[in-house]
Amino acid sequence: MKTLILSVLLLFTSFLFGQTELYMGDSNFKTDVAYTIKDNKVYSGDGVFNNIVVFTLNNNKVYHGQSTMTFDCLFTIKDNKVYRGTSSFSNDIIYTISDNKVYRGNSTFSTDCILTYDDNKIYMGDSNFSSDCLITVKGDEVSLAYLACIVGPY
């Protein structure tokens, strides 16, 4: 009986640790989990009851679903830039990351700011007002480039 209880507790704690949850807006309620990141996979919802893999994160690349095949690569992250597919050409820059902000294309002008990351929250544009909060991040640290790929594209 002790072994069974210990096994259940171990299984339960494995769901709690080693993951990151992205909540909709300014929420921390389990019912508002938009994505769960665990073991380099991004699940829709909480990842427990809904085990649909939306993205796979591997070697600074974001892949569609559970694939890591080249033709399923959606984004490549190199330095502070996010590129379309497997490209690293300047014409294919989707985002530039600078000072906890995500900018559209190869720009760091304030008018091109599409996301701001502040205090574990992702805000729309160059804002940090609670009404502009898109996502609340809770759990292990994830790079802003990966978060921009998951939350975006815009």
N, C-alpha and C. Protein backbone atom coordinates (compact mmCIF):
# COMPACT_ATOMS: atom_id res chain seq x y z
N MET A 1 0.82 -1.19 0.00
CA MET A 1 0.00 0.00 0.00
C MET A 1 0.86 1.26 0.00
N LYS A 2 1.95 1.24 0.82
CA LYS A 2 2.86 2.38 0.87
C LYS A 2 3.51 2.61 -0.50
N THR A 3 3.82 1.55 -1.19
CA THR A 3 4.44 1.66 -2.50
C THR A 3 3.48 2.31 -3.49
N LEU A 4 2.22 1.95 -3.42
CA LEU A 4 1.22 2.52 -4.30
C LEU A 4 1.06 4.02 -4.04
N ILE A 5 0.98 4.40 -2.78
CA ILE A 5 0.84 5.82 -2.43
C ILE A 5 2.08 6.60 -2.86
N LEU A 6 3.25 6.04 -2.61
CA LEU A 6 4.49 6.69 -3.01
C LEU A 6 4.56 6.84 -4.53
N SER A 7 4.13 5.85 -5.27
CA SER A 7 4.13 5.91 -6.74
C SER A 7 3.18 7.00 -7.24
N VAL A 8 2.00 7.09 -6.64
CA VAL A 8 1.04 8.12 -7.03
C VAL A 8 1.59 9.51 -6.74
N LEU A 9 2.20 9.69 -5.57
CA LEU A 9 2.79 10.99 -5.22
C LEU A 9 3.93 11.35 -6.17
N LEU A 10 4.76 10.39 -6.51
CA LEU A 10 5.86 10.63 -7.44
C LEU A 10 5.34 11.03 -8.81
N LEU A 11 4.31 10.34 -9.29
CA LEU A 11 3.70 10.68 -10.57
C LEU A 11 3.09 12.08 -10.53
N PHE A 12 2.42 12.41 -9.45
CA PHE A 12 1.79 13.72 -9.31
C PHE A 12 2.84 14.84 -9.31
N THR A 13 3.95 14.64 -8.58
CA THR A 13 4.99 15.68 -8.54
C THR A 13 5.69 15.82 -9.87
N SER A 14 5.76 14.78 -10.67
CA SER A 14 6.38 14.91 -11.98
C SER A 14 5.56 15.79 -12.91
N PHE A 15 4.25 15.87 -12.67
CA PHE A 15 3.41 16.77 -13.45
C PHE A 15 3.58 18.22 -13.00
N LEU A 16 3.97 18.42 -11.75
CA LEU A 16 4.08 19.77 -11.21
C LEU A 16 5.42 20.42 -11.50
N PHE A 17 6.49 19.64 -11.55
CA PHE A 17 7.83 20.19 -11.68
C PHE A 17 8.38 19.93 -13.07
N GLY A 18 9.31 20.79 -13.49
CA GLY A 18 9.96 20.60 -14.78
C GLY A 18 9.08 21.01 -15.94
N GLN A 19 8.20 21.97 -15.71
CA GLN A 19 7.35 22.43 -16.79
C GLN A 19 7.06 23.91 -16.62
N THR A 20 6.58 24.49 -17.68
CA THR A 20 6.17 25.89 -17.68
C THR A 20 4.76 25.97 -18.20
N GLU A 21 3.94 26.76 -17.52
CA GLU A 21 2.56 26.94 -17.96
C GLU A 21 2.36 28.38 -18.41
N LEU A 22 1.67 28.54 -19.52
CA LEU A 22 1.35 29.85 -20.04
C LEU A 22 -0.16 30.05 -19.88
N TYR A 23 -0.53 30.99 -19.03
CA TYR A 23 -1.92 31.25 -18.72
C TYR A 23 -2.44 32.39 -19.59
N MET A 24 -3.70 32.33 -19.95
CA MET A 24 -4.32 33.39 -20.73
C MET A 24 -4.47 34.64 -19.87
N GLY A 25 -4.03 35.75 -20.41
CA GLY A 25 -4.17 37.03 -19.72
C GLY A 25 -3.44 37.08 -18.41
N ASP A 26 -4.06 37.70 -17.43
CA ASP A 26 -3.45 37.94 -16.12
C ASP A 26 -3.87 36.86 -15.12
N SER A 27 -4.23 35.69 -15.60
CA SER A 27 -4.79 34.64 -14.76
C SER A 27 -3.73 33.69 -14.25
N ASN A 28 -4.04 32.99 -13.16
CA ASN A 28 -3.24 31.89 -12.64
C ASN A 28 -4.11 30.67 -12.37
N PHE A 29 -5.32 30.66 -12.92
CA PHE A 29 -6.24 29.55 -12.71
C PHE A 29 -5.93 28.41 -13.68
N LYS A 30 -5.98 27.20 -13.18
CA LYS A 30 -5.70 26.01 -14.01
C LYS A 30 -6.60 25.95 -15.25
N THR A 31 -7.81 26.45 -15.14
CA THR A 31 -8.72 26.41 -16.28
C THR A 31 -8.30 27.38 -17.38
N ASP A 32 -7.39 28.30 -17.08
CA ASP A 32 -6.94 29.29 -18.06
C ASP A 32 -5.57 28.99 -18.65
N VAL A 33 -5.07 27.75 -18.49
CA VAL A 33 -3.78 27.39 -19.07
C VAL A 33 -3.95 27.28 -20.58
N ALA A 34 -3.21 28.11 -21.31
CA ALA A 34 -3.26 28.09 -22.77
C ALA A 34 -2.29 27.05 -23.32
N TYR A 35 -1.06 27.02 -22.76
CA TYR A 35 -0.02 26.09 -23.21
C TYR A 35 0.77 25.60 -22.02
N THR A 36 1.30 24.38 -22.13
CA THR A 36 2.22 23.83 -21.15
C THR A 36 3.47 23.38 -21.90
N ILE A 37 4.62 23.79 -21.41
CA ILE A 37 5.90 23.41 -22.01
C ILE A 37 6.55 22.40 -21.08
N LYS A 38 6.78 21.20 -21.58
CA LYS A 38 7.41 20.14 -20.79
C LYS A 38 8.22 19.25 -21.72
N ASP A 39 9.45 18.98 -21.32
CA ASP A 39 10.35 18.10 -22.10
C ASP A 39 10.46 18.56 -23.55
N ASN A 40 10.63 19.87 -23.75
CA ASN A 40 10.80 20.48 -25.08
C ASN A 40 9.58 20.32 -25.99
N LYS A 41 8.45 20.03 -25.42
CA LYS A 41 7.22 19.96 -26.19
C LYS A 41 6.23 20.99 -25.64
N VAL A 42 5.48 21.61 -26.54
CA VAL A 42 4.48 22.58 -26.16
C VAL A 42 3.11 21.94 -26.37
N TYR A 43 2.39 21.78 -25.27
CA TYR A 43 1.08 21.15 -25.30
C TYR A 43 0.00 22.22 -25.28
N SER A 44 -1.08 21.95 -25.97
CA SER A 44 -2.25 22.81 -25.89
C SER A 44 -2.93 22.56 -24.55
N GLY A 45 -3.21 23.60 -23.81
CA GLY A 45 -3.85 23.44 -22.51
C GLY A 45 -2.88 22.98 -21.45
N ASP A 46 -3.39 22.21 -20.49
CA ASP A 46 -2.58 21.85 -19.33
C ASP A 46 -1.61 20.70 -19.57
N GLY A 47 -1.68 20.02 -20.67
CA GLY A 47 -0.74 18.95 -20.98
C GLY A 47 -1.02 17.65 -20.25
N VAL A 48 -1.95 17.65 -19.32
CA VAL A 48 -2.30 16.44 -18.59
C VAL A 48 -3.54 15.82 -19.20
N PHE A 49 -4.61 16.58 -19.22
CA PHE A 49 -5.85 16.07 -19.78
C PHE A 49 -5.89 16.23 -21.30
N ASN A 50 -5.17 17.22 -21.79
CA ASN A 50 -5.08 17.46 -23.23
C ASN A 50 -3.63 17.27 -23.63
N ASN A 51 -3.30 16.18 -24.30
CA ASN A 51 -1.91 15.90 -24.62
C ASN A 51 -1.59 16.14 -26.10
N ILE A 52 -2.22 17.14 -26.69
CA ILE A 52 -1.94 17.49 -28.08
C ILE A 52 -0.68 18.34 -28.12
N VAL A 53 0.35 17.86 -28.84
CA VAL A 53 1.61 18.60 -28.97
C VAL A 53 1.45 19.59 -30.12
N VAL A 54 1.57 20.87 -29.81
CA VAL A 54 1.43 21.92 -30.80
C VAL A 54 2.78 22.22 -31.44
N PHE A 55 3.83 22.30 -30.62
CA PHE A 55 5.18 22.60 -31.10
C PHE A 55 6.19 21.71 -30.39
N THR A 56 7.33 21.50 -31.05
CA THR A 56 8.49 20.88 -30.42
C THR A 56 9.63 21.89 -30.50
N LEU A 57 10.32 22.10 -29.37
CA LEU A 57 11.43 23.03 -29.29
C LEU A 57 12.72 22.22 -29.25
N ASN A 58 13.61 22.45 -30.23
CA ASN A 58 14.81 21.63 -30.32
C ASN A 58 15.91 22.40 -31.04
N ASN A 59 17.08 22.53 -30.41
CA ASN A 59 18.25 23.16 -31.03
C ASN A 59 17.95 24.53 -31.63
N ASN A 60 17.31 25.39 -30.86
CA ASN A 60 16.97 26.75 -31.29
C ASN A 60 16.05 26.77 -32.51
N LYS A 61 15.23 25.76 -32.62
CA LYS A 61 14.24 25.69 -33.69
C LYS A 61 12.88 25.34 -33.07
N VAL A 62 11.84 25.79 -33.74
CA VAL A 62 10.47 25.48 -33.32
C VAL A 62 9.83 24.70 -34.47
N TYR A 63 9.37 23.49 -34.15
CA TYR A 63 8.79 22.60 -35.16
C TYR A 63 7.30 22.46 -34.94
N HIS A 64 6.60 22.17 -36.00
CA HIS A 64 5.16 21.91 -35.95
C HIS A 64 4.92 20.53 -35.34
N GLY A 65 4.05 20.44 -34.36
CA GLY A 65 3.69 19.16 -33.76
C GLY A 65 4.87 18.49 -33.08
N GLN A 66 4.92 17.16 -33.19
CA GLN A 66 5.98 16.39 -32.55
C GLN A 66 7.19 16.16 -33.45
N SER A 67 7.16 16.71 -34.62
CA SER A 67 8.21 16.47 -35.60
C SER A 67 9.47 17.27 -35.30
N THR A 68 10.61 16.76 -35.75
CA THR A 68 11.85 17.52 -35.78
C THR A 68 12.46 17.42 -37.18
N MET A 69 11.60 17.18 -38.15
CA MET A 69 12.05 17.10 -39.55
C MET A 69 12.22 18.52 -40.10
N THR A 70 13.17 18.69 -40.99
CA THR A 70 13.48 20.00 -41.55
C THR A 70 12.26 20.67 -42.16
N PHE A 71 11.44 19.93 -42.89
CA PHE A 71 10.28 20.54 -43.56
C PHE A 71 9.18 20.93 -42.58
N ASP A 72 9.26 20.52 -41.31
CA ASP A 72 8.29 20.92 -40.29
C ASP A 72 8.81 22.06 -39.41
N CYS A 73 9.98 22.60 -39.73
CA CYS A 73 10.55 23.69 -38.95
C CYS A 73 9.80 24.99 -39.26
N LEU A 74 9.22 25.59 -38.24
CA LEU A 74 8.49 26.84 -38.41
C LEU A 74 9.37 28.06 -38.19
N PHE A 75 10.26 27.99 -37.17
CA PHE A 75 11.11 29.13 -36.81
C PHE A 75 12.50 28.65 -36.44
N THR A 76 13.50 29.49 -36.72
CA THR A 76 14.88 29.27 -36.29
C THR A 76 15.31 30.48 -35.48
N ILE A 77 15.90 30.23 -34.32
CA ILE A 77 16.35 31.30 -33.45
C ILE A 77 17.87 31.36 -33.52
N LYS A 78 18.38 32.53 -33.87
CA LYS A 78 19.83 32.70 -33.97
C LYS A 78 20.17 34.08 -33.42
N ASP A 79 21.02 34.10 -32.39
CA ASP A 79 21.37 35.33 -31.68
C ASP A 79 20.09 35.95 -31.13
N ASN A 80 19.77 37.16 -31.52
CA ASN A 80 18.57 37.83 -31.01
C ASN A 80 17.49 37.95 -32.09
N LYS A 81 17.54 37.07 -33.08
CA LYS A 81 16.59 37.11 -34.20
C LYS A 81 15.83 35.79 -34.30
N VAL A 82 14.59 35.90 -34.78
CA VAL A 82 13.79 34.73 -35.09
C VAL A 82 13.52 34.76 -36.59
N TYR A 83 13.88 33.68 -37.26
CA TYR A 83 13.76 33.58 -38.71
C TYR A 83 12.64 32.63 -39.10
N ARG A 84 12.10 32.83 -40.28
CA ARG A 84 11.06 31.96 -40.84
C ARG A 84 11.71 30.64 -41.27
N GLY A 85 11.14 29.53 -40.87
CA GLY A 85 11.63 28.21 -41.28
C GLY A 85 13.05 27.95 -40.83
N THR A 86 13.85 27.38 -41.71
CA THR A 86 15.25 27.08 -41.39
C THR A 86 16.20 28.15 -41.90
N SER A 87 15.66 29.24 -42.35
CA SER A 87 16.45 30.31 -42.94
C SER A 87 17.26 31.08 -41.90
N SER A 88 18.31 31.74 -42.38
CA SER A 88 19.03 32.70 -41.55
C SER A 88 19.34 33.94 -42.39
N PHE A 89 18.54 34.16 -43.43
CA PHE A 89 18.69 35.34 -44.29
C PHE A 89 17.94 36.52 -43.69
N SER A 90 18.46 37.70 -43.89
CA SER A 90 17.85 38.90 -43.31
C SER A 90 16.44 39.14 -43.83
N ASN A 91 16.14 38.69 -45.04
CA ASN A 91 14.78 38.84 -45.59
C ASN A 91 13.75 38.01 -44.83
N ASP A 92 14.21 36.97 -44.10
CA ASP A 92 13.31 36.06 -43.41
C ASP A 92 13.23 36.31 -41.91
N ILE A 93 13.71 37.45 -41.44
CA ILE A 93 13.62 37.78 -40.01
C ILE A 93 12.17 38.13 -39.68
N ILE A 94 11.62 37.41 -38.72
CA ILE A 94 10.25 37.66 -38.26
C ILE A 94 10.27 38.57 -37.04
N TYR A 95 11.15 38.26 -36.08
CA TYR A 95 11.22 39.02 -34.84
C TYR A 95 12.67 39.37 -34.51
N THR A 96 12.84 40.50 -33.83
CA THR A 96 14.11 40.87 -33.21
C THR A 96 13.83 41.02 -31.72
N ILE A 97 14.67 40.39 -30.89
CA ILE A 97 14.50 40.43 -29.44
C ILE A 97 15.55 41.38 -28.87
N SER A 98 15.09 42.35 -28.06
CA SER A 98 16.02 43.29 -27.44
C SER A 98 15.38 43.87 -26.17
N ASP A 99 16.13 43.84 -25.07
CA ASP A 99 15.68 44.43 -23.80
C ASP A 99 14.29 43.96 -23.39
N ASN A 100 14.06 42.64 -23.43
CA ASN A 100 12.78 42.04 -23.03
C ASN A 100 11.60 42.52 -23.87
N LYS A 101 11.88 42.89 -25.10
CA LYS A 101 10.83 43.29 -26.04
C LYS A 101 11.01 42.51 -27.33
N VAL A 102 9.90 42.28 -28.00
CA VAL A 102 9.90 41.59 -29.29
C VAL A 102 9.45 42.60 -30.33
N TYR A 103 10.28 42.76 -31.36
CA TYR A 103 9.99 43.72 -32.42
C TYR A 103 9.69 42.99 -33.72
N ARG A 104 8.86 43.59 -34.54
CA ARG A 104 8.51 43.03 -35.84
C ARG A 104 9.69 43.20 -36.80
N GLY A 105 10.07 42.11 -37.45
CA GLY A 105 11.14 42.15 -38.46
C GLY A 105 12.49 42.48 -37.87
N ASN A 106 13.30 43.17 -38.65
CA ASN A 106 14.67 43.50 -38.28
C ASN A 106 14.73 44.93 -37.73
N SER A 107 13.92 45.21 -36.73
CA SER A 107 13.80 46.56 -36.22
C SER A 107 13.84 46.56 -34.70
N THR A 108 14.24 47.67 -34.12
CA THR A 108 14.12 47.88 -32.68
C THR A 108 13.48 49.23 -32.39
N PHE A 109 12.73 49.74 -33.37
CA PHE A 109 11.98 50.99 -33.16
C PHE A 109 10.76 50.72 -32.30
N SER A 110 10.44 51.66 -31.44
CA SER A 110 9.30 51.46 -30.52
C SER A 110 7.99 51.24 -31.27
N THR A 111 7.86 51.79 -32.47
CA THR A 111 6.63 51.59 -33.24
C THR A 111 6.49 50.16 -33.76
N ASP A 112 7.61 49.41 -33.78
CA ASP A 112 7.59 48.02 -34.24
C ASP A 112 7.54 47.02 -33.09
N CYS A 113 7.42 47.49 -31.85
CA CYS A 113 7.36 46.59 -30.69
C CYS A 113 5.99 45.90 -30.67
N ILE A 114 6.01 44.57 -30.66
CA ILE A 114 4.74 43.83 -30.65
C ILE A 114 4.47 43.11 -29.34
N LEU A 115 5.54 42.80 -28.57
CA LEU A 115 5.38 42.14 -27.27
C LEU A 115 6.39 42.69 -26.29
N THR A 116 5.98 42.79 -25.02
CA THR A 116 6.88 43.19 -23.94
C THR A 116 6.80 42.13 -22.86
N TYR A 117 7.97 41.68 -22.38
CA TYR A 117 8.03 40.68 -21.31
C TYR A 117 8.49 41.37 -20.04
N ASP A 118 7.64 41.36 -19.01
CA ASP A 118 7.95 42.04 -17.76
C ASP A 118 7.31 41.28 -16.60
N ASP A 119 8.12 40.92 -15.62
CA ASP A 119 7.63 40.28 -14.41
C ASP A 119 6.77 39.04 -14.71
N ASN A 120 7.31 38.16 -15.56
CA ASN A 120 6.65 36.89 -15.94
C ASN A 120 5.32 37.08 -16.66
N LYS A 121 5.17 38.20 -17.32
CA LYS A 121 3.95 38.44 -18.10
C LYS A 121 4.35 38.96 -19.48
N ILE A 122 3.56 38.57 -20.47
CA ILE A 122 3.76 39.04 -21.84
C ILE A 122 2.63 40.00 -22.15
N TYR A 123 3.02 41.22 -22.52
CA TYR A 123 2.05 42.27 -22.81
C TYR A 123 2.02 42.58 -24.30
N MET A 124 0.91 43.08 -24.75
CA MET A 124 0.73 43.48 -26.13
C MET A 124 1.47 44.80 -26.36
N GLY A 125 2.28 44.84 -27.41
CA GLY A 125 2.99 46.06 -27.79
C GLY A 125 3.99 46.50 -26.75
N ASP A 126 4.17 47.81 -26.66
CA ASP A 126 5.15 48.40 -25.76
C ASP A 126 4.47 48.82 -24.46
N SER A 127 3.71 47.91 -23.87
CA SER A 127 2.88 48.22 -22.71
C SER A 127 3.22 47.30 -21.56
N ASN A 128 2.86 47.70 -20.36
CA ASN A 128 2.89 46.79 -19.21
C ASN A 128 1.66 47.03 -18.32
N PHE A 129 0.57 47.46 -18.96
CA PHE A 129 -0.70 47.63 -18.26
C PHE A 129 -1.40 46.27 -18.14
N SER A 130 -2.05 46.04 -17.03
CA SER A 130 -2.70 44.74 -16.82
C SER A 130 -3.75 44.45 -17.89
N SER A 131 -4.39 45.48 -18.43
CA SER A 131 -5.40 45.25 -19.47
C SER A 131 -4.77 44.79 -20.79
N ASP A 132 -3.45 44.97 -20.96
CA ASP A 132 -2.74 44.55 -22.17
C ASP A 132 -2.01 43.23 -21.99
N CYS A 133 -2.21 42.56 -20.84
CA CYS A 133 -1.52 41.30 -20.57
C CYS A 133 -2.13 40.18 -21.42
N LEU A 134 -1.29 39.56 -22.24
CA LEU A 134 -1.73 38.45 -23.08
C LEU A 134 -1.52 37.10 -22.40
N ILE A 135 -0.35 36.94 -21.76
CA ILE A 135 0.06 35.65 -21.21
C ILE A 135 0.77 35.87 -19.88
N THR A 136 0.49 35.01 -18.90
CA THR A 136 1.24 34.96 -17.65
C THR A 136 2.05 33.67 -17.66
N VAL A 137 3.34 33.77 -17.41
CA VAL A 137 4.26 32.63 -17.47
C VAL A 137 4.56 32.17 -16.05
N LYS A 138 4.40 30.87 -15.81
CA LYS A 138 4.65 30.31 -14.49
C LYS A 138 5.42 29.00 -14.65
N GLY A 139 6.56 28.89 -13.95
CA GLY A 139 7.34 27.66 -14.00
C GLY A 139 8.77 27.93 -14.43
N ASP A 140 9.36 26.92 -15.06
CA ASP A 140 10.75 27.02 -15.50
C ASP A 140 10.93 28.15 -16.50
N GLU A 141 12.14 28.70 -16.52
CA GLU A 141 12.43 29.81 -17.42
C GLU A 141 12.50 29.33 -18.87
N VAL A 142 11.89 30.10 -19.76
CA VAL A 142 11.88 29.83 -21.19
C VAL A 142 12.32 31.11 -21.88
N SER A 143 13.14 30.99 -22.91
CA SER A 143 13.64 32.19 -23.59
C SER A 143 12.49 32.98 -24.22
N LEU A 144 12.67 34.29 -24.26
CA LEU A 144 11.66 35.16 -24.85
C LEU A 144 11.46 34.84 -26.33
N ALA A 145 12.51 34.43 -27.01
CA ALA A 145 12.38 34.07 -28.43
C ALA A 145 11.42 32.90 -28.60
N TYR A 146 11.56 31.86 -27.78
CA TYR A 146 10.63 30.73 -27.83
C TYR A 146 9.21 31.18 -27.49
N LEU A 147 9.08 32.02 -26.45
CA LEU A 147 7.76 32.49 -26.06
C LEU A 147 7.10 33.29 -27.19
N ALA A 148 7.90 34.10 -27.88
CA ALA A 148 7.35 34.89 -29.01
C ALA A 148 6.86 33.96 -30.11
N CYS A 149 7.58 32.88 -30.35
CA CYS A 149 7.16 31.92 -31.39
C CYS A 149 5.87 31.20 -30.99
N ILE A 150 5.71 30.91 -29.71
CA ILE A 150 4.52 30.21 -29.24
C ILE A 150 3.31 31.15 -29.22
N VAL A 151 3.49 32.34 -28.68
CA VAL A 151 2.39 33.30 -28.54
C VAL A 151 2.03 33.93 -29.87
N GLY A 152 3.02 34.22 -30.71
CA GLY A 152 2.80 34.87 -32.01
C GLY A 152 2.32 33.87 -33.03
N PRO A 153 2.48 34.07 -34.27
CA PRO A 153 3.05 35.28 -34.87
C PRO A 153 2.01 36.39 -35.01
N TYR A 154 2.50 37.59 -35.08
CA TYR A 154 1.64 38.76 -35.21
C TYR A 154 1.91 39.44 -36.53
